[in-house]
Amino acid sequence: MAATRDAGVAAAAGRRSDALTGLAGALAHLTKAVQEYAAVAADNSDRGAIASINEYGLRFLRTTRDRLYAESGERW
């Protein structure tokens, strides 16, 4: 959560490099968390929760990262 907040604060302040660093950290942490959750998923409600995290968490962070890269002109 802290990495996501830091990335948002940096993006709002126009510090794209810091925002991209924060987003990279947030994506790494959330990806690891989803993988761990998937490893112990017991039923369809767990799989639904994982799908929701993917849709509204990971996809949002990736889209934001891609937009910031496009705006900055940096290469991946």
PDB file of N, CA and C in Angstrom:
ATOM      1  N   MET A   1       0.821  -1.187   0.000  1.00  0.00           N
ATOM      2  CA  MET A   1       0.000   0.000   0.000  1.00  0.00           C
ATOM      3  C   MET A   1       0.864   1.249   0.000  1.00  0.00           C
ATOM      4  N   ALA A   2       1.945   1.227   0.748  1.00  0.00           N
ATOM      5  CA  ALA A   2       2.808   2.403   0.831  1.00  0.00           C
ATOM      6  C   ALA A   2       3.429   2.718  -0.526  1.00  0.00           C
ATOM      7  N   ALA A   3       3.833   1.681  -1.269  1.00  0.00           N
ATOM      8  CA  ALA A   3       4.441   1.911  -2.581  1.00  0.00           C
ATOM      9  C   ALA A   3       3.431   2.542  -3.537  1.00  0.00           C
ATOM     10  N   THR A   4       2.187   2.104  -3.459  1.00  0.00           N
ATOM     11  CA  THR A   4       1.135   2.670  -4.309  1.00  0.00           C
ATOM     12  C   THR A   4       0.889   4.129  -3.954  1.00  0.00           C
ATOM     13  N   ARG A   5       0.819   4.417  -2.667  1.00  0.00           N
ATOM     14  CA  ARG A   5       0.606   5.796  -2.224  1.00  0.00           C
ATOM     15  C   ARG A   5       1.779   6.672  -2.655  1.00  0.00           C
ATOM     16  N   ASP A   6       3.000   6.194  -2.440  1.00  0.00           N
ATOM     17  CA  ASP A   6       4.183   6.967  -2.821  1.00  0.00           C
ATOM     18  C   ASP A   6       4.205   7.242  -4.325  1.00  0.00           C
ATOM     19  N   ALA A   7       3.820   6.248  -5.116  1.00  0.00           N
ATOM     20  CA  ALA A   7       3.774   6.433  -6.571  1.00  0.00           C
ATOM     21  C   ALA A   7       2.737   7.481  -6.947  1.00  0.00           C
ATOM     22  N   GLY A   8       1.587   7.460  -6.297  1.00  0.00           N
ATOM     23  CA  GLY A   8       0.550   8.453  -6.579  1.00  0.00           C
ATOM     24  C   GLY A   8       0.972   9.858  -6.202  1.00  0.00           C
ATOM     25  N   VAL A   9       1.631   9.998  -5.068  1.00  0.00           N
ATOM     26  CA  VAL A   9       2.113  11.305  -4.631  1.00  0.00           C
ATOM     27  C   VAL A   9       3.170  11.814  -5.608  1.00  0.00           C
ATOM     28  N   ALA A  10       4.085  10.935  -6.009  1.00  0.00           N
ATOM     29  CA  ALA A  10       5.132  11.332  -6.955  1.00  0.00           C
ATOM     30  C   ALA A  10       4.538  11.717  -8.308  1.00  0.00           C
ATOM     31  N   ALA A  11       3.561  10.961  -8.783  1.00  0.00           N
ATOM     32  CA  ALA A  11       2.930  11.271 -10.071  1.00  0.00           C
ATOM     33  C   ALA A  11       2.214  12.618 -10.002  1.00  0.00           C
ATOM     34  N   ALA A  12       1.524  12.874  -8.905  1.00  0.00           N
ATOM     35  CA  ALA A  12       0.805  14.138  -8.753  1.00  0.00           C
ATOM     36  C   ALA A  12       1.770  15.319  -8.710  1.00  0.00           C
ATOM     37  N   ALA A  13       2.969  15.077  -8.197  1.00  0.00           N
ATOM     38  CA  ALA A  13       3.968  16.137  -8.110  1.00  0.00           C
ATOM     39  C   ALA A  13       4.791  16.251  -9.390  1.00  0.00           C
ATOM     40  N   GLY A  14       4.499  15.401 -10.378  1.00  0.00           N
ATOM     41  CA  GLY A  14       5.208  15.472 -11.646  1.00  0.00           C
ATOM     42  C   GLY A  14       6.533  14.738 -11.648  1.00  0.00           C
ATOM     43  N   ARG A  15       6.790  13.929 -10.641  1.00  0.00           N
ATOM     44  CA  ARG A  15       8.044  13.174 -10.551  1.00  0.00           C
ATOM     45  C   ARG A  15       7.808  11.778 -11.132  1.00  0.00           C
ATOM     46  N   ARG A  16       7.804  11.699 -12.460  1.00  0.00           N
ATOM     47  CA  ARG A  16       7.451  10.449 -13.136  1.00  0.00           C
ATOM     48  C   ARG A  16       8.417   9.313 -12.813  1.00  0.00           C
ATOM     49  N   SER A  17       9.702   9.626 -12.728  1.00  0.00           N
ATOM     50  CA  SER A  17      10.677   8.579 -12.428  1.00  0.00           C
ATOM     51  C   SER A  17      10.398   7.948 -11.071  1.00  0.00           C
ATOM     52  N   ASP A  18      10.124   8.777 -10.068  1.00  0.00           N
ATOM     53  CA  ASP A  18       9.791   8.262  -8.737  1.00  0.00           C
ATOM     54  C   ASP A  18       8.465   7.491  -8.767  1.00  0.00           C
ATOM     55  N   ALA A  19       7.528   7.992  -9.543  1.00  0.00           N
ATOM     56  CA  ALA A  19       6.235   7.314  -9.660  1.00  0.00           C
ATOM     57  C   ALA A  19       6.408   5.938 -10.294  1.00  0.00           C
ATOM     58  N   LEU A  20       7.223   5.851 -11.327  1.00  0.00           N
ATOM     59  CA  LEU A  20       7.462   4.566 -11.988  1.00  0.00           C
ATOM     60  C   LEU A  20       8.168   3.589 -11.051  1.00  0.00           C
ATOM     61  N   THR A  21       9.091   4.093 -10.258  1.00  0.00           N
ATOM     62  CA  THR A  21       9.766   3.238  -9.275  1.00  0.00           C
ATOM     63  C   THR A  21       8.768   2.715  -8.251  1.00  0.00           C
ATOM     64  N   GLY A  22       7.905   3.595  -7.761  1.00  0.00           N
ATOM     65  CA  GLY A  22       6.888   3.183  -6.800  1.00  0.00           C
ATOM     66  C   GLY A  22       5.917   2.179  -7.387  1.00  0.00           C
ATOM     67  N   LEU A  23       5.523   2.404  -8.638  1.00  0.00           N
ATOM     68  CA  LEU A  23       4.612   1.460  -9.299  1.00  0.00           C
ATOM     69  C   LEU A  23       5.268   0.097  -9.502  1.00  0.00           C
ATOM     70  N   ALA A  24       6.545   0.095  -9.824  1.00  0.00           N
ATOM     71  CA  ALA A  24       7.249  -1.179  -9.986  1.00  0.00           C
ATOM     72  C   ALA A  24       7.228  -1.961  -8.673  1.00  0.00           C
ATOM     73  N   GLY A  25       7.472  -1.263  -7.580  1.00  0.00           N
ATOM     74  CA  GLY A  25       7.427  -1.918  -6.272  1.00  0.00           C
ATOM     75  C   GLY A  25       6.037  -2.411  -5.927  1.00  0.00           C
ATOM     76  N   ALA A  26       5.043  -1.588  -6.183  1.00  0.00           N
ATOM     77  CA  ALA A  26       3.656  -1.971  -5.899  1.00  0.00           C
ATOM     78  C   ALA A  26       3.244  -3.181  -6.723  1.00  0.00           C
ATOM     79  N   LEU A  27       3.602  -3.185  -7.997  1.00  0.00           N
ATOM     80  CA  LEU A  27       3.278  -4.330  -8.854  1.00  0.00           C
ATOM     81  C   LEU A  27       3.967  -5.603  -8.367  1.00  0.00           C
ATOM     82  N   ALA A  28       5.221  -5.485  -7.965  1.00  0.00           N
ATOM     83  CA  ALA A  28       5.947  -6.656  -7.483  1.00  0.00           C
ATOM     84  C   ALA A  28       5.288  -7.219  -6.226  1.00  0.00           C
ATOM     85  N   HIS A  29       4.938  -6.352  -5.297  1.00  0.00           N
ATOM     86  CA  HIS A  29       4.322  -6.807  -4.051  1.00  0.00           C
ATOM     87  C   HIS A  29       2.949  -7.421  -4.294  1.00  0.00           C
ATOM     88  N   LEU A  30       2.134  -6.757  -5.110  1.00  0.00           N
ATOM     89  CA  LEU A  30       0.791  -7.262  -5.359  1.00  0.00           C
ATOM     90  C   LEU A  30       0.827  -8.569  -6.156  1.00  0.00           C
ATOM     91  N   THR A  31       1.732  -8.667  -7.112  1.00  0.00           N
ATOM     92  CA  THR A  31       1.874  -9.893  -7.882  1.00  0.00           C
ATOM     93  C   THR A  31       2.254 -11.055  -6.968  1.00  0.00           C
ATOM     94  N   LYS A  32       3.202 -10.827  -6.077  1.00  0.00           N
ATOM     95  CA  LYS A  32       3.623 -11.859  -5.129  1.00  0.00           C
ATOM     96  C   LYS A  32       2.461 -12.256  -4.221  1.00  0.00           C
ATOM     97  N   ALA A  33       1.713 -11.272  -3.748  1.00  0.00           N
ATOM     98  CA  ALA A  33       0.572 -11.557  -2.871  1.00  0.00           C
ATOM     99  C   ALA A  33      -0.480 -12.393  -3.585  1.00  0.00           C
ATOM    100  N   VAL A  34      -0.773 -12.064  -4.834  1.00  0.00           N
ATOM    101  CA  VAL A  34      -1.776 -12.821  -5.598  1.00  0.00           C
ATOM    102  C   VAL A  34      -1.284 -14.246  -5.846  1.00  0.00           C
ATOM    103  N   GLN A  35      -0.010 -14.401  -6.128  1.00  0.00           N
ATOM    104  CA  GLN A  35       0.537 -15.736  -6.343  1.00  0.00           C
ATOM    105  C   GLN A  35       0.437 -16.577  -5.071  1.00  0.00           C
ATOM    106  N   GLU A  36       0.726 -15.971  -3.935  1.00  0.00           N
ATOM    107  CA  GLU A  36       0.616 -16.693  -2.663  1.00  0.00           C
ATOM    108  C   GLU A  36      -0.833 -17.057  -2.364  1.00  0.00           C
ATOM    109  N   TYR A  37      -1.736 -16.136  -2.631  1.00  0.00           N
ATOM    110  CA  TYR A  37      -3.159 -16.395  -2.412  1.00  0.00           C
ATOM    111  C   TYR A  37      -3.632 -17.518  -3.325  1.00  0.00           C
ATOM    112  N   ALA A  38      -3.197 -17.481  -4.587  1.00  0.00           N
ATOM    113  CA  ALA A  38      -3.601 -18.512  -5.544  1.00  0.00           C
ATOM    114  C   ALA A  38      -3.107 -19.888  -5.115  1.00  0.00           C
ATOM    115  N   ALA A  39      -1.968 -19.931  -4.455  1.00  0.00           N
ATOM    116  CA  ALA A  39      -1.408 -21.206  -4.025  1.00  0.00           C
ATOM    117  C   ALA A  39      -2.263 -21.883  -2.959  1.00  0.00           C
ATOM    118  N   VAL A  40      -3.044 -21.105  -2.229  1.00  0.00           N
ATOM    119  CA  VAL A  40      -3.871 -21.681  -1.160  1.00  0.00           C
ATOM    120  C   VAL A  40      -5.364 -21.504  -1.414  1.00  0.00           C
ATOM    121  N   ALA A  41      -5.731 -21.091  -2.625  1.00  0.00           N
ATOM    122  CA  ALA A  41      -7.139 -20.895  -2.963  1.00  0.00           C
ATOM    123  C   ALA A  41      -7.897 -22.203  -2.751  1.00  0.00           C
ATOM    124  N   ALA A  42      -8.983 -22.121  -1.983  1.00  0.00           N
ATOM    125  CA  ALA A  42      -9.715 -23.332  -1.615  1.00  0.00           C
ATOM    126  C   ALA A  42     -10.994 -23.548  -2.420  1.00  0.00           C
ATOM    127  N   ASP A  43     -11.591 -22.468  -2.910  1.00  0.00           N
ATOM    128  CA  ASP A  43     -12.870 -22.635  -3.588  1.00  0.00           C
ATOM    129  C   ASP A  43     -13.077 -21.499  -4.595  1.00  0.00           C
ATOM    130  N   ASN A  44     -14.261 -21.477  -5.186  1.00  0.00           N
ATOM    131  CA  ASN A  44     -14.551 -20.478  -6.212  1.00  0.00           C
ATOM    132  C   ASN A  44     -14.576 -19.057  -5.670  1.00  0.00           C
ATOM    133  N   SER A  45     -14.907 -18.885  -4.402  1.00  0.00           N
ATOM    134  CA  SER A  45     -14.895 -17.521  -3.862  1.00  0.00           C
ATOM    135  C   SER A  45     -13.469 -16.993  -3.801  1.00  0.00           C
ATOM    136  N   ASP A  46     -12.510 -17.846  -3.492  1.00  0.00           N
ATOM    137  CA  ASP A  46     -11.105 -17.434  -3.519  1.00  0.00           C
ATOM    138  C   ASP A  46     -10.676 -17.089  -4.942  1.00  0.00           C
ATOM    139  N   ARG A  47     -11.070 -17.907  -5.887  1.00  0.00           N
ATOM    140  CA  ARG A  47     -10.716 -17.638  -7.282  1.00  0.00           C
ATOM    141  C   ARG A  47     -11.376 -16.353  -7.778  1.00  0.00           C
ATOM    142  N   GLY A  48     -12.587 -16.078  -7.310  1.00  0.00           N
ATOM    143  CA  GLY A  48     -13.246 -14.820  -7.666  1.00  0.00           C
ATOM    144  C   GLY A  48     -12.530 -13.622  -7.079  1.00  0.00           C
ATOM    145  N   ALA A  49     -12.058 -13.762  -5.855  1.00  0.00           N
ATOM    146  CA  ALA A  49     -11.303 -12.678  -5.226  1.00  0.00           C
ATOM    147  C   ALA A  49     -10.006 -12.417  -5.992  1.00  0.00           C
ATOM    148  N   ILE A  50      -9.351 -13.478  -6.405  1.00  0.00           N
ATOM    149  CA  ILE A  50      -8.106 -13.339  -7.176  1.00  0.00           C
ATOM    150  C   ILE A  50      -8.391 -12.659  -8.508  1.00  0.00           C
ATOM    151  N   ALA A  51      -9.480 -13.035  -9.157  1.00  0.00           N
ATOM    152  CA  ALA A  51      -9.855 -12.398 -10.427  1.00  0.00           C
ATOM    153  C   ALA A  51     -10.135 -10.914 -10.225  1.00  0.00           C
ATOM    154  N   SER A  52     -10.785 -10.566  -9.129  1.00  0.00           N
ATOM    155  CA  SER A  52     -11.067  -9.152  -8.841  1.00  0.00           C
ATOM    156  C   SER A  52      -9.785  -8.371  -8.591  1.00  0.00           C
ATOM    157  N   ILE A  53      -8.861  -8.968  -7.850  1.00  0.00           N
ATOM    158  CA  ILE A  53      -7.579  -8.303  -7.604  1.00  0.00           C
ATOM    159  C   ILE A  53      -6.846  -8.097  -8.918  1.00  0.00           C
ATOM    160  N   ASN A  54      -6.872  -9.101  -9.770  1.00  0.00           N
ATOM    161  CA  ASN A  54      -6.228  -8.962 -11.080  1.00  0.00           C
ATOM    162  C   ASN A  54      -6.854  -7.842 -11.893  1.00  0.00           C
ATOM    163  N   GLU A  55      -8.179  -7.813 -11.916  1.00  0.00           N
ATOM    164  CA  GLU A  55      -8.891  -6.829 -12.738  1.00  0.00           C
ATOM    165  C   GLU A  55      -8.732  -5.407 -12.205  1.00  0.00           C
ATOM    166  N   TYR A  56      -8.956  -5.217 -10.927  1.00  0.00           N
ATOM    167  CA  TYR A  56      -9.017  -3.864 -10.376  1.00  0.00           C
ATOM    168  C   TYR A  56      -7.743  -3.422  -9.664  1.00  0.00           C
ATOM    169  N   GLY A  57      -6.816  -4.343  -9.447  1.00  0.00           N
ATOM    170  CA  GLY A  57      -5.558  -4.001  -8.806  1.00  0.00           C
ATOM    171  C   GLY A  57      -4.406  -4.038  -9.791  1.00  0.00           C
ATOM    172  N   LEU A  58      -4.078  -5.244 -10.233  1.00  0.00           N
ATOM    173  CA  LEU A  58      -2.926  -5.401 -11.127  1.00  0.00           C
ATOM    174  C   LEU A  58      -3.125  -4.704 -12.463  1.00  0.00           C
ATOM    175  N   ARG A  59      -4.284  -4.870 -13.059  1.00  0.00           N
ATOM    176  CA  ARG A  59      -4.510  -4.240 -14.368  1.00  0.00           C
ATOM    177  C   ARG A  59      -4.447  -2.717 -14.255  1.00  0.00           C
ATOM    178  N   PHE A  60      -5.023  -2.168 -13.186  1.00  0.00           N
ATOM    179  CA  PHE A  60      -4.981  -0.722 -12.979  1.00  0.00           C
ATOM    180  C   PHE A  60      -3.533  -0.239 -12.833  1.00  0.00           C
ATOM    181  N   LEU A  61      -2.736  -0.928 -12.014  1.00  0.00           N
ATOM    182  CA  LEU A  61      -1.342  -0.519 -11.820  1.00  0.00           C
ATOM    183  C   LEU A  61      -0.548  -0.632 -13.112  1.00  0.00           C
ATOM    184  N   ARG A  62      -0.768  -1.701 -13.879  1.00  0.00           N
ATOM    185  CA  ARG A  62      -0.052  -1.853 -15.153  1.00  0.00           C
ATOM    186  C   ARG A  62      -0.446  -0.757 -16.144  1.00  0.00           C
ATOM    187  N   THR A  63      -1.727  -0.444 -16.217  1.00  0.00           N
ATOM    188  CA  THR A  63      -2.195   0.605 -17.121  1.00  0.00           C
ATOM    189  C   THR A  63      -1.602   1.957 -16.726  1.00  0.00           C
ATOM    190  N   THR A  64      -1.572   2.227 -15.441  1.00  0.00           N
ATOM    191  CA  THR A  64      -0.994   3.481 -14.957  1.00  0.00           C
ATOM    192  C   THR A  64       0.495   3.538 -15.278  1.00  0.00           C
ATOM    193  N   ARG A  65       1.203   2.432 -15.040  1.00  0.00           N
ATOM    194  CA  ARG A  65       2.628   2.370 -15.368  1.00  0.00           C
ATOM    195  C   ARG A  65       2.853   2.622 -16.859  1.00  0.00           C
ATOM    196  N   ASP A  66       2.078   1.964 -17.701  1.00  0.00           N
ATOM    197  CA  ASP A  66       2.230   2.120 -19.153  1.00  0.00           C
ATOM    198  C   ASP A  66       1.962   3.562 -19.584  1.00  0.00           C
ATOM    199  N   ARG A  67       0.951   4.192 -18.972  1.00  0.00           N
ATOM    200  CA  ARG A  67       0.638   5.582 -19.302  1.00  0.00           C
ATOM    201  C   ARG A  67       1.782   6.510 -18.905  1.00  0.00           C
ATOM    202  N   LEU A  68       2.347   6.297 -17.721  1.00  0.00           N
ATOM    203  CA  LEU A  68       3.450   7.137 -17.274  1.00  0.00           C
ATOM    204  C   LEU A  68       4.681   6.950 -18.156  1.00  0.00           C
ATOM    205  N   TYR A  69       4.956   5.715 -18.561  1.00  0.00           N
ATOM    206  CA  TYR A  69       6.064   5.484 -19.488  1.00  0.00           C
ATOM    207  C   TYR A  69       5.824   6.215 -20.804  1.00  0.00           C
ATOM    208  N   ALA A  70       4.618   6.135 -21.330  1.00  0.00           N
ATOM    209  CA  ALA A  70       4.308   6.795 -22.597  1.00  0.00           C
ATOM    210  C   ALA A  70       4.453   8.308 -22.477  1.00  0.00           C
ATOM    211  N   GLU A  71       4.008   8.873 -21.360  1.00  0.00           N
ATOM    212  CA  GLU A  71       4.112  10.316 -21.158  1.00  0.00           C
ATOM    213  C   GLU A  71       5.548  10.766 -20.985  1.00  0.00           C
ATOM    214  N   SER A  72       6.384   9.922 -20.396  1.00  0.00           N
ATOM    215  CA  SER A  72       7.758  10.324 -20.120  1.00  0.00           C
ATOM    216  C   SER A  72       8.676  10.101 -21.304  1.00  0.00           C
ATOM    217  N   GLY A  73       8.262   9.236 -22.226  1.00  0.00           N
ATOM    218  CA  GLY A  73       9.107   8.949 -23.375  1.00  0.00           C
ATOM    219  C   GLY A  73      10.250   8.012 -23.036  1.00  0.00           C
ATOM    220  N   GLU A  74      10.287   7.479 -21.806  1.00  0.00           N
ATOM    221  CA  GLU A  74      11.332   6.547 -21.411  1.00  0.00           C
ATOM    222  C   GLU A  74      11.090   5.190 -22.037  1.00  0.00           C
ATOM    223  N   ARG A  75      12.181   4.436 -22.153  1.00  0.00           N
ATOM    224  CA  ARG A  75      12.070   3.065 -22.641  1.00  0.00           C
ATOM    225  C   ARG A  75      11.976   2.140 -21.450  1.00  0.00           C
ATOM    226  N   TRP A  76      11.333   0.997 -21.651  1.00  0.00           N
ATOM    227  CA  TRP A  76      11.190   0.026 -20.567  1.00  0.00           C
ATOM    228  C   TRP A  76      12.450  -0.667 -20.340  1.00  0.00           C
TER     229      TRP A  76
END
